[in-house]
């Protein structure tokens, strides 16, 4: 099964906008243990990719994290309470109210 990650137009536009310039060359997505539901999403910037990274345009994710969120959709939401990247993960069986923590 192919490891895939999908991005909405809003997410791609935001990633392209915030990665202009060399100090923020890539938008990095990682999945870490922790959070109130078992795993949590982490978003950061990187100037280079690593050997175990999969590159999706200006976004990068390590192979281990991609295993957990393969098939997900990365979106960028603008709401009255703020703006944030959101991952719609079909493998998640539960998530926290913050939207960054989930379990599978």
PDB file of N, CA and C in Angstrom:
ATOM      1  N   UNK A   1       0.836  -1.187   0.000  1.00  0.00           N
ATOM      2  CA  UNK A   1       0.000   0.000   0.000  1.00  0.00           C
ATOM      3  C   UNK A   1       0.882   1.253   0.000  1.00  0.00           C
ATOM      4  N   UNK A   2       0.574   2.156  -0.888  1.00  0.00           N
ATOM      5  CA  UNK A   2       1.361   3.374  -1.014  1.00  0.00           C
ATOM      6  C   UNK A   2       1.094   4.314   0.158  1.00  0.00           C
ATOM      7  N   UNK A   3       2.158   4.887   0.666  1.00  0.00           N
ATOM      8  CA  UNK A   3       2.028   5.858   1.756  1.00  0.00           C
ATOM      9  C   UNK A   3       1.697   7.204   1.145  1.00  0.00           C
ATOM     10  N   UNK A   4       0.580   7.770   1.561  1.00  0.00           N
ATOM     11  CA  UNK A   4       0.115   8.984   0.930  1.00  0.00           C
ATOM     12  C   UNK A   4      -0.349   9.999   1.967  1.00  0.00           C
ATOM     13  N   UNK A   5      -0.156  11.243   1.641  1.00  0.00           N
ATOM     14  CA  UNK A   5      -0.619  12.353   2.453  1.00  0.00           C
ATOM     15  C   UNK A   5      -1.193  13.386   1.493  1.00  0.00           C
ATOM     16  N   UNK A   6      -2.398  13.845   1.771  1.00  0.00           N
ATOM     17  CA  UNK A   6      -3.064  14.808   0.894  1.00  0.00           C
ATOM     18  C   UNK A   6      -3.111  16.176   1.554  1.00  0.00           C
ATOM     19  N   UNK A   7      -3.068  17.209   0.736  1.00  0.00           N
ATOM     20  CA  UNK A   7      -3.081  18.585   1.228  1.00  0.00           C
ATOM     21  C   UNK A   7      -4.201  19.350   0.540  1.00  0.00           C
ATOM     22  N   UNK A   8      -4.967  20.127   1.305  1.00  0.00           N
ATOM     23  CA  UNK A   8      -5.969  20.997   0.700  1.00  0.00           C
ATOM     24  C   UNK A   8      -5.264  22.191   0.069  1.00  0.00           C
ATOM     25  N   UNK A   9      -5.972  22.882  -0.803  1.00  0.00           N
ATOM     26  CA  UNK A   9      -5.400  24.092  -1.410  1.00  0.00           C
ATOM     27  C   UNK A   9      -5.044  25.120  -0.347  1.00  0.00           C
ATOM     28  N   UNK A  10      -5.889  25.240   0.688  1.00  0.00           N
ATOM     29  CA  UNK A  10      -5.616  26.198   1.767  1.00  0.00           C
ATOM     30  C   UNK A  10      -4.312  25.847   2.479  1.00  0.00           C
ATOM     31  N   UNK A  11      -4.074  24.569   2.739  1.00  0.00           N
ATOM     32  CA  UNK A  11      -2.830  24.148   3.403  1.00  0.00           C
ATOM     33  C   UNK A  11      -1.624  24.416   2.507  1.00  0.00           C
ATOM     34  N   UNK A  12      -1.732  24.076   1.232  1.00  0.00           N
ATOM     35  CA  UNK A  12      -0.613  24.305   0.309  1.00  0.00           C
ATOM     36  C   UNK A  12      -0.284  25.788   0.191  1.00  0.00           C
ATOM     37  N   UNK A  13      -1.310  26.617   0.089  1.00  0.00           N
ATOM     38  CA  UNK A  13      -1.084  28.065  -0.003  1.00  0.00           C
ATOM     39  C   UNK A  13      -0.380  28.590   1.242  1.00  0.00           C
ATOM     40  N   UNK A  14      -0.817  28.146   2.417  1.00  0.00           N
ATOM     41  CA  UNK A  14      -0.213  28.601   3.668  1.00  0.00           C
ATOM     42  C   UNK A  14       1.218  28.098   3.800  1.00  0.00           C
ATOM     43  N   UNK A  15       1.460  26.843   3.445  1.00  0.00           N
ATOM     44  CA  UNK A  15       2.814  26.282   3.511  1.00  0.00           C
ATOM     45  C   UNK A  15       3.745  27.050   2.575  1.00  0.00           C
ATOM     46  N   UNK A  16       3.298  27.307   1.357  1.00  0.00           N
ATOM     47  CA  UNK A  16       4.128  28.055   0.407  1.00  0.00           C
ATOM     48  C   UNK A  16       4.408  29.469   0.897  1.00  0.00           C
ATOM     49  N   UNK A  17       3.421  30.090   1.537  1.00  0.00           N
ATOM     50  CA  UNK A  17       3.592  31.453   2.032  1.00  0.00           C
ATOM     51  C   UNK A  17       4.594  31.506   3.194  1.00  0.00           C
ATOM     52  N   UNK A  18       4.496  30.549   4.129  1.00  0.00           N
ATOM     53  CA  UNK A  18       5.346  30.612   5.328  1.00  0.00           C
ATOM     54  C   UNK A  18       6.735  30.022   5.113  1.00  0.00           C
ATOM     55  N   UNK A  19       6.959  29.348   3.983  1.00  0.00           N
ATOM     56  CA  UNK A  19       8.294  28.786   3.735  1.00  0.00           C
ATOM     57  C   UNK A  19       9.094  29.612   2.743  1.00  0.00           C
ATOM     58  N   UNK A  20       8.650  30.818   2.476  1.00  0.00           N
ATOM     59  CA  UNK A  20       9.444  31.698   1.613  1.00  0.00           C
ATOM     60  C   UNK A  20      10.702  32.104   2.369  1.00  0.00           C
ATOM     61  N   UNK A  21      11.824  32.009   1.726  1.00  0.00           N
ATOM     62  CA  UNK A  21      13.087  32.348   2.383  1.00  0.00           C
ATOM     63  C   UNK A  21      13.830  31.092   2.803  1.00  0.00           C
ATOM     64  N   UNK A  22      15.114  31.194   2.910  1.00  0.00           N
ATOM     65  CA  UNK A  22      15.959  30.039   3.197  1.00  0.00           C
ATOM     66  C   UNK A  22      15.879  29.541   4.639  1.00  0.00           C
ATOM     67  N   UNK A  23      15.563  30.422   5.583  1.00  0.00           N
ATOM     68  CA  UNK A  23      15.543  29.973   6.984  1.00  0.00           C
ATOM     69  C   UNK A  23      14.355  29.056   7.280  1.00  0.00           C
ATOM     70  N   UNK A  24      13.347  29.059   6.416  1.00  0.00           N
ATOM     71  CA  UNK A  24      12.186  28.175   6.579  1.00  0.00           C
ATOM     72  C   UNK A  24      11.939  27.462   5.260  1.00  0.00           C
ATOM     73  N   UNK A  25      12.888  26.666   4.830  1.00  0.00           N
ATOM     74  CA  UNK A  25      12.800  26.025   3.521  1.00  0.00           C
ATOM     75  C   UNK A  25      11.692  24.973   3.472  1.00  0.00           C
ATOM     76  N   UNK A  26      11.526  24.204   4.564  1.00  0.00           N
ATOM     77  CA  UNK A  26      10.528  23.141   4.603  1.00  0.00           C
ATOM     78  C   UNK A  26       9.602  23.295   5.804  1.00  0.00           C
ATOM     79  N   UNK A  27       8.360  22.879   5.619  1.00  0.00           N
ATOM     80  CA  UNK A  27       7.372  22.780   6.689  1.00  0.00           C
ATOM     81  C   UNK A  27       7.381  21.312   7.120  1.00  0.00           C
ATOM     82  N   UNK A  28       7.813  21.053   8.357  1.00  0.00           N
ATOM     83  CA  UNK A  28       7.971  19.674   8.831  1.00  0.00           C
ATOM     84  C   UNK A  28       6.761  19.241   9.655  1.00  0.00           C
ATOM     85  N   UNK A  29       6.238  18.064   9.316  1.00  0.00           N
ATOM     86  CA  UNK A  29       5.147  17.439  10.070  1.00  0.00           C
ATOM     87  C   UNK A  29       5.721  16.204  10.747  1.00  0.00           C
ATOM     88  N   UNK A  30       5.523  16.088  12.055  1.00  0.00           N
ATOM     89  CA  UNK A  30       5.950  14.891  12.774  1.00  0.00           C
ATOM     90  C   UNK A  30       4.831  14.430  13.698  1.00  0.00           C
ATOM     91  N   UNK A  31       4.859  13.142  14.002  1.00  0.00           N
ATOM     92  CA  UNK A  31       3.946  12.571  14.981  1.00  0.00           C
ATOM     93  C   UNK A  31       4.806  12.096  16.135  1.00  0.00           C
ATOM     94  N   UNK A  32       4.447  12.538  17.344  1.00  0.00           N
ATOM     95  CA  UNK A  32       5.216  12.184  18.535  1.00  0.00           C
ATOM     96  C   UNK A  32       4.308  11.486  19.534  1.00  0.00           C
ATOM     97  N   UNK A  33       4.915  10.639  20.355  1.00  0.00           N
ATOM     98  CA  UNK A  33       4.170  10.043  21.455  1.00  0.00           C
ATOM     99  C   UNK A  33       3.889  11.113  22.490  1.00  0.00           C
ATOM    100  N   UNK A  34       2.720  11.036  23.094  1.00  0.00           N
ATOM    101  CA  UNK A  34       2.358  12.020  24.110  1.00  0.00           C
ATOM    102  C   UNK A  34       1.015  12.640  23.822  1.00  0.00           C
ATOM    103  N   UNK A  35       0.767  13.757  24.417  1.00  0.00           N
ATOM    104  CA  UNK A  35      -0.539  14.387  24.266  1.00  0.00           C
ATOM    105  C   UNK A  35      -1.567  13.664  25.116  1.00  0.00           C
ATOM    106  N   UNK A  36      -2.756  14.186  25.194  1.00  0.00           N
ATOM    107  CA  UNK A  36      -3.764  13.592  26.060  1.00  0.00           C
ATOM    108  C   UNK A  36      -4.437  12.368  25.448  1.00  0.00           C
ATOM    109  N   UNK A  37      -4.177  12.077  24.172  1.00  0.00           N
ATOM    110  CA  UNK A  37      -4.806  10.917  23.541  1.00  0.00           C
ATOM    111  C   UNK A  37      -3.808   9.857  23.069  1.00  0.00           C
ATOM    112  N   UNK A  38      -2.524  10.028  23.298  1.00  0.00           N
ATOM    113  CA  UNK A  38      -1.528   9.020  22.950  1.00  0.00           C
ATOM    114  C   UNK A  38      -0.479   9.483  21.954  1.00  0.00           C
ATOM    115  N   UNK A  39      -0.909  10.170  20.902  1.00  0.00           N
ATOM    116  CA  UNK A  39       0.001  10.746  19.912  1.00  0.00           C
ATOM    117  C   UNK A  39      -0.336  12.215  19.750  1.00  0.00           C
ATOM    118  N   UNK A  40       0.631  12.976  19.249  1.00  0.00           N
ATOM    119  CA  UNK A  40       0.331  14.370  18.943  1.00  0.00           C
ATOM    120  C   UNK A  40       1.055  14.798  17.679  1.00  0.00           C
ATOM    121  N   UNK A  41       0.418  15.696  16.948  1.00  0.00           N
ATOM    122  CA  UNK A  41       1.008  16.258  15.743  1.00  0.00           C
ATOM    123  C   UNK A  41       1.922  17.403  16.149  1.00  0.00           C
ATOM    124  N   UNK A  42       3.035  17.525  15.446  1.00  0.00           N
ATOM    125  CA  UNK A  42       3.940  18.638  15.672  1.00  0.00           C
ATOM    126  C   UNK A  42       4.280  19.256  14.319  1.00  0.00           C
ATOM    127  N   UNK A  43       4.196  20.583  14.248  1.00  0.00           N
ATOM    128  CA  UNK A  43       4.516  21.316  13.031  1.00  0.00           C
ATOM    129  C   UNK A  43       5.695  22.230  13.324  1.00  0.00           C
ATOM    130  N   UNK A  44       6.701  22.209  12.450  1.00  0.00           N
ATOM    131  CA  UNK A  44       7.879  23.050  12.635  1.00  0.00           C
ATOM    132  C   UNK A  44       8.474  23.371  11.262  1.00  0.00           C
ATOM    133  N   UNK A  45       9.623  24.015  11.270  1.00  0.00           N
ATOM    134  CA  UNK A  45      10.324  24.368  10.036  1.00  0.00           C
ATOM    135  C   UNK A  45      11.694  23.722  10.043  1.00  0.00           C
ATOM    136  N   UNK A  46      12.220  23.491   8.842  1.00  0.00           N
ATOM    137  CA  UNK A  46      13.551  22.909   8.719  1.00  0.00           C
ATOM    138  C   UNK A  46      14.220  23.497   7.487  1.00  0.00           C
ATOM    139  N   UNK A  47      15.549  23.574   7.534  1.00  0.00           N
ATOM    140  CA  UNK A  47      16.287  24.098   6.393  1.00  0.00           C
ATOM    141  C   UNK A  47      16.741  22.988   5.453  1.00  0.00           C
ATOM    142  N   UNK A  48      16.630  21.727   5.913  1.00  0.00           N
ATOM    143  CA  UNK A  48      17.039  20.601   5.068  1.00  0.00           C
ATOM    144  C   UNK A  48      16.189  19.379   5.373  1.00  0.00           C
ATOM    145  N   UNK A  49      16.177  18.459   4.442  1.00  0.00           N
ATOM    146  CA  UNK A  49      15.467  17.203   4.676  1.00  0.00           C
ATOM    147  C   UNK A  49      16.471  16.142   5.123  1.00  0.00           C
ATOM    148  N   UNK A  50      15.995  15.131   5.814  1.00  0.00           N
ATOM    149  CA  UNK A  50      16.827  14.022   6.280  1.00  0.00           C
ATOM    150  C   UNK A  50      16.649  12.825   5.350  1.00  0.00           C
ATOM    151  N   UNK A  51      17.523  11.828   5.482  1.00  0.00           N
ATOM    152  CA  UNK A  51      17.469  10.648   4.616  1.00  0.00           C
ATOM    153  C   UNK A  51      16.147   9.889   4.726  1.00  0.00           C
ATOM    154  N   UNK A  52      15.518   9.906   5.913  1.00  0.00           N
ATOM    155  CA  UNK A  52      14.272   9.147   6.085  1.00  0.00           C
ATOM    156  C   UNK A  52      13.019  10.000   5.859  1.00  0.00           C
ATOM    157  N   UNK A  53      13.170  11.195   5.291  1.00  0.00           N
ATOM    158  CA  UNK A  53      12.032  12.075   5.031  1.00  0.00           C
ATOM    159  C   UNK A  53      11.390  11.777   3.685  1.00  0.00           C
ATOM    160  N   UNK A  54      10.092  11.922   3.649  1.00  0.00           N
ATOM    161  CA  UNK A  54       9.336  11.893   2.406  1.00  0.00           C
ATOM    162  C   UNK A  54       8.964  13.346   2.137  1.00  0.00           C
ATOM    163  N   UNK A  55       9.189  13.805   0.909  1.00  0.00           N
ATOM    164  CA  UNK A  55       8.965  15.207   0.567  1.00  0.00           C
ATOM    165  C   UNK A  55       7.676  15.339  -0.245  1.00  0.00           C
ATOM    166  N   UNK A  56       6.813  16.240   0.202  1.00  0.00           N
ATOM    167  CA  UNK A  56       5.577  16.591  -0.495  1.00  0.00           C
ATOM    168  C   UNK A  56       5.655  18.075  -0.821  1.00  0.00           C
ATOM    169  N   UNK A  57       6.346  18.430  -1.884  1.00  0.00           N
ATOM    170  CA  UNK A  57       6.524  19.833  -2.229  1.00  0.00           C
ATOM    171  C   UNK A  57       7.394  20.520  -1.188  1.00  0.00           C
ATOM    172  N   UNK A  58       6.825  21.486  -0.463  1.00  0.00           N
ATOM    173  CA  UNK A  58       7.542  22.215   0.591  1.00  0.00           C
ATOM    174  C   UNK A  58       7.301  21.604   1.971  1.00  0.00           C
ATOM    175  N   UNK A  59       6.522  20.522   2.033  1.00  0.00           N
ATOM    176  CA  UNK A  59       6.264  19.840   3.304  1.00  0.00           C
ATOM    177  C   UNK A  59       7.067  18.542   3.350  1.00  0.00           C
ATOM    178  N   UNK A  60       7.594  18.228   4.532  1.00  0.00           N
ATOM    179  CA  UNK A  60       8.338  16.981   4.709  1.00  0.00           C
ATOM    180  C   UNK A  60       7.830  16.264   5.949  1.00  0.00           C
ATOM    181  N   UNK A  61       7.924  14.930   5.898  1.00  0.00           N
ATOM    182  CA  UNK A  61       7.519  14.096   7.022  1.00  0.00           C
ATOM    183  C   UNK A  61       8.414  12.864   7.055  1.00  0.00           C
ATOM    184  N   UNK A  62       8.810  12.457   8.239  1.00  0.00           N
ATOM    185  CA  UNK A  62       9.661  11.273   8.347  1.00  0.00           C
ATOM    186  C   UNK A  62       8.818  10.016   8.121  1.00  0.00           C
ATOM    187  N   UNK A  63       9.475   8.933   7.716  1.00  0.00           N
ATOM    188  CA  UNK A  63       8.769   7.697   7.365  1.00  0.00           C
ATOM    189  C   UNK A  63       7.951   7.139   8.523  1.00  0.00           C
ATOM    190  N   UNK A  64       8.461   7.205   9.741  1.00  0.00           N
ATOM    191  CA  UNK A  64       7.729   6.674  10.903  1.00  0.00           C
ATOM    192  C   UNK A  64       6.430   7.439  11.135  1.00  0.00           C
ATOM    193  N   UNK A  65       6.497   8.769  11.025  1.00  0.00           N
ATOM    194  CA  UNK A  65       5.290   9.583  11.209  1.00  0.00           C
ATOM    195  C   UNK A  65       4.299   9.327  10.088  1.00  0.00           C
ATOM    196  N   UNK A  66       4.802   9.169   8.866  1.00  0.00           N
ATOM    197  CA  UNK A  66       3.913   8.925   7.736  1.00  0.00           C
ATOM    198  C   UNK A  66       3.173   7.605   7.885  1.00  0.00           C
ATOM    199  N   UNK A  67       3.826   6.600   8.469  1.00  0.00           N
ATOM    200  CA  UNK A  67       3.155   5.316   8.729  1.00  0.00           C
ATOM    201  C   UNK A  67       1.878   5.535   9.541  1.00  0.00           C
ATOM    202  N   UNK A  68       1.953   6.419  10.511  1.00  0.00           N
ATOM    203  CA  UNK A  68       0.830   6.643  11.431  1.00  0.00           C
ATOM    204  C   UNK A  68      -0.270   7.474  10.794  1.00  0.00           C
ATOM    205  N   UNK A  69       0.091   8.434   9.926  1.00  0.00           N
ATOM    206  CA  UNK A  69      -0.937   9.320   9.376  1.00  0.00           C
ATOM    207  C   UNK A  69      -1.149   9.164   7.874  1.00  0.00           C
ATOM    208  N   UNK A  70      -0.634   8.080   7.292  1.00  0.00           N
ATOM    209  CA  UNK A  70      -0.842   7.834   5.867  1.00  0.00           C
ATOM    210  C   UNK A  70      -2.337   7.820   5.554  1.00  0.00           C
ATOM    211  N   UNK A  71      -2.717   8.484   4.478  1.00  0.00           N
ATOM    212  CA  UNK A  71      -4.124   8.571   4.094  1.00  0.00           C
ATOM    213  C   UNK A  71      -4.825   9.791   4.658  1.00  0.00           C
ATOM    214  N   UNK A  72      -4.110  10.580   5.446  1.00  0.00           N
ATOM    215  CA  UNK A  72      -4.691  11.770   6.075  1.00  0.00           C
ATOM    216  C   UNK A  72      -4.739  12.946   5.106  1.00  0.00           C
ATOM    217  N   UNK A  73      -5.541  13.938   5.488  1.00  0.00           N
ATOM    218  CA  UNK A  73      -5.624  15.191   4.748  1.00  0.00           C
ATOM    219  C   UNK A  73      -5.134  16.310   5.659  1.00  0.00           C
ATOM    220  N   UNK A  74      -4.162  17.078   5.175  1.00  0.00           N
ATOM    221  CA  UNK A  74      -3.654  18.234   5.908  1.00  0.00           C
ATOM    222  C   UNK A  74      -4.414  19.461   5.404  1.00  0.00           C
ATOM    223  N   UNK A  75      -5.005  20.206   6.338  1.00  0.00           N
ATOM    224  CA  UNK A  75      -5.794  21.384   5.993  1.00  0.00           C
ATOM    225  C   UNK A  75      -5.309  22.565   6.822  1.00  0.00           C
ATOM    226  N   UNK A  76      -5.667  23.761   6.399  1.00  0.00           N
ATOM    227  CA  UNK A  76      -5.388  24.966   7.166  1.00  0.00           C
ATOM    228  C   UNK A  76      -6.704  25.686   7.354  1.00  0.00           C
ATOM    229  N   UNK A  77      -7.111  25.859   8.621  1.00  0.00           N
ATOM    230  CA  UNK A  77      -8.396  26.464   8.948  1.00  0.00           C
ATOM    231  C   UNK A  77      -8.208  27.845   9.538  1.00  0.00           C
ATOM    232  N   UNK A  78      -9.044  28.767   9.075  1.00  0.00           N
ATOM    233  CA  UNK A  78      -9.106  30.104   9.653  1.00  0.00           C
ATOM    234  C   UNK A  78     -10.481  30.239  10.291  1.00  0.00           C
ATOM    235  N   UNK A  79     -10.483  30.401  11.613  1.00  0.00           N
ATOM    236  CA  UNK A  79     -11.731  30.538  12.365  1.00  0.00           C
ATOM    237  C   UNK A  79     -11.625  31.741  13.284  1.00  0.00           C
ATOM    238  N   UNK A  80     -12.721  32.093  13.890  1.00  0.00           N
ATOM    239  CA  UNK A  80     -12.731  33.265  14.772  1.00  0.00           C
ATOM    240  C   UNK A  80     -11.755  33.122  15.935  1.00  0.00           C
ATOM    241  N   UNK A  81     -11.525  31.879  16.391  1.00  0.00           N
ATOM    242  CA  UNK A  81     -10.628  31.675  17.529  1.00  0.00           C
ATOM    243  C   UNK A  81      -9.164  31.590  17.116  1.00  0.00           C
ATOM    244  N   UNK A  82      -8.898  31.581  15.805  1.00  0.00           N
ATOM    245  CA  UNK A  82      -7.516  31.559  15.351  1.00  0.00           C
ATOM    246  C   UNK A  82      -7.336  30.754  14.084  1.00  0.00           C
ATOM    247  N   UNK A  83      -6.098  30.624  13.683  1.00  0.00           N
ATOM    248  CA  UNK A  83      -5.721  29.888  12.486  1.00  0.00           C
ATOM    249  C   UNK A  83      -4.844  28.714  12.899  1.00  0.00           C
ATOM    250  N   UNK A  84      -5.010  27.572  12.191  1.00  0.00           N
ATOM    251  CA  UNK A  84      -4.201  26.409  12.552  1.00  0.00           C
ATOM    252  C   UNK A  84      -4.197  25.379  11.440  1.00  0.00           C
ATOM    253  N   UNK A  85      -3.110  24.619  11.382  1.00  0.00           N
ATOM    254  CA  UNK A  85      -3.084  23.444  10.527  1.00  0.00           C
ATOM    255  C   UNK A  85      -3.848  22.341  11.243  1.00  0.00           C
ATOM    256  N   UNK A  86      -4.624  21.589  10.477  1.00  0.00           N
ATOM    257  CA  UNK A  86      -5.445  20.509  11.024  1.00  0.00           C
ATOM    258  C   UNK A  86      -5.202  19.269  10.174  1.00  0.00           C
ATOM    259  N   UNK A  87      -5.084  18.123  10.822  1.00  0.00           N
ATOM    260  CA  UNK A  87      -4.919  16.866  10.095  1.00  0.00           C
ATOM    261  C   UNK A  87      -6.151  16.010  10.329  1.00  0.00           C
ATOM    262  N   UNK A  88      -6.811  15.647   9.236  1.00  0.00           N
ATOM    263  CA  UNK A  88      -7.956  14.746   9.284  1.00  0.00           C
ATOM    264  C   UNK A  88      -7.414  13.345   9.030  1.00  0.00           C
ATOM    265  N   UNK A  89      -7.251  12.593  10.117  1.00  0.00           N
ATOM    266  CA  UNK A  89      -6.616  11.282  10.072  1.00  0.00           C
ATOM    267  C   UNK A  89      -7.682  10.193  10.160  1.00  0.00           C
ATOM    268  N   UNK A  90      -7.926   9.459   9.061  1.00  0.00           N
ATOM    269  CA  UNK A  90      -8.961   8.416   9.101  1.00  0.00           C
ATOM    270  C   UNK A  90      -8.618   7.253  10.031  1.00  0.00           C
ATOM    271  N   UNK A  91      -7.353   7.121  10.425  1.00  0.00           N
ATOM    272  CA  UNK A  91      -6.947   6.044  11.341  1.00  0.00           C
ATOM    273  C   UNK A  91      -7.204   6.407  12.805  1.00  0.00           C
ATOM    274  N   UNK A  92      -7.443   7.685  13.092  1.00  0.00           N
ATOM    275  CA  UNK A  92      -7.635   8.117  14.478  1.00  0.00           C
ATOM    276  C   UNK A  92      -8.967   7.609  15.008  1.00  0.00           C
ATOM    277  N   UNK A  93      -8.924   6.961  16.159  1.00  0.00           N
ATOM    278  CA  UNK A  93     -10.147   6.463  16.788  1.00  0.00           C
ATOM    279  C   UNK A  93     -10.671   7.425  17.837  1.00  0.00           C
ATOM    280  N   UNK A  94      -9.826   8.333  18.295  1.00  0.00           N
ATOM    281  CA  UNK A  94     -10.222   9.351  19.268  1.00  0.00           C
ATOM    282  C   UNK A  94      -9.279  10.531  19.108  1.00  0.00           C
ATOM    283  N   UNK A  95      -9.781  11.706  19.445  1.00  0.00           N
ATOM    284  CA  UNK A  95      -8.927  12.885  19.409  1.00  0.00           C
ATOM    285  C   UNK A  95      -9.300  13.810  20.551  1.00  0.00           C
ATOM    286  N   UNK A  96      -8.396  14.713  20.826  1.00  0.00           N
ATOM    287  CA  UNK A  96      -8.571  15.674  21.916  1.00  0.00           C
ATOM    288  C   UNK A  96      -9.239  16.929  21.373  1.00  0.00           C
ATOM    289  N   UNK A  97      -9.792  17.723  22.238  1.00  0.00           N
ATOM    290  CA  UNK A  97     -10.432  18.968  21.836  1.00  0.00           C
ATOM    291  C   UNK A  97      -9.478  19.948  21.195  1.00  0.00           C
ATOM    292  N   UNK A  98      -8.191  19.833  21.490  1.00  0.00           N
ATOM    293  CA  UNK A  98      -7.212  20.762  20.899  1.00  0.00           C
ATOM    294  C   UNK A  98      -6.965  20.466  19.433  1.00  0.00           C
ATOM    295  N   UNK A  99      -7.306  19.257  18.985  1.00  0.00           N
ATOM    296  CA  UNK A  99      -7.108  18.884  17.591  1.00  0.00           C
ATOM    297  C   UNK A  99      -5.710  18.431  17.251  1.00  0.00           C
ATOM    298  N   UNK A 100      -4.788  18.481  18.204  1.00  0.00           N
ATOM    299  CA  UNK A 100      -3.405  18.073  17.935  1.00  0.00           C
ATOM    300  C   UNK A 100      -3.071  16.707  18.517  1.00  0.00           C
ATOM    301  N   UNK A 101      -3.935  16.164  19.343  1.00  0.00           N
ATOM    302  CA  UNK A 101      -3.673  14.895  20.009  1.00  0.00           C
ATOM    303  C   UNK A 101      -4.702  13.869  19.537  1.00  0.00           C
ATOM    304  N   UNK A 102      -4.239  12.613  19.332  1.00  0.00           N
ATOM    305  CA  UNK A 102      -5.139  11.574  18.823  1.00  0.00           C
ATOM    306  C   UNK A 102      -4.660  10.196  19.251  1.00  0.00           C
ATOM    307  N   UNK A 103      -5.518   9.204  19.075  1.00  0.00           N
ATOM    308  CA  UNK A 103      -5.131   7.815  19.309  1.00  0.00           C
ATOM    309  C   UNK A 103      -5.574   6.992  18.104  1.00  0.00           C
ATOM    310  N   UNK A 104      -4.886   5.867  17.907  1.00  0.00           N
ATOM    311  CA  UNK A 104      -5.242   4.969  16.797  1.00  0.00           C
ATOM    312  C   UNK A 104      -5.472   3.574  17.315  1.00  0.00           C
TER     313      UNK A 104
END
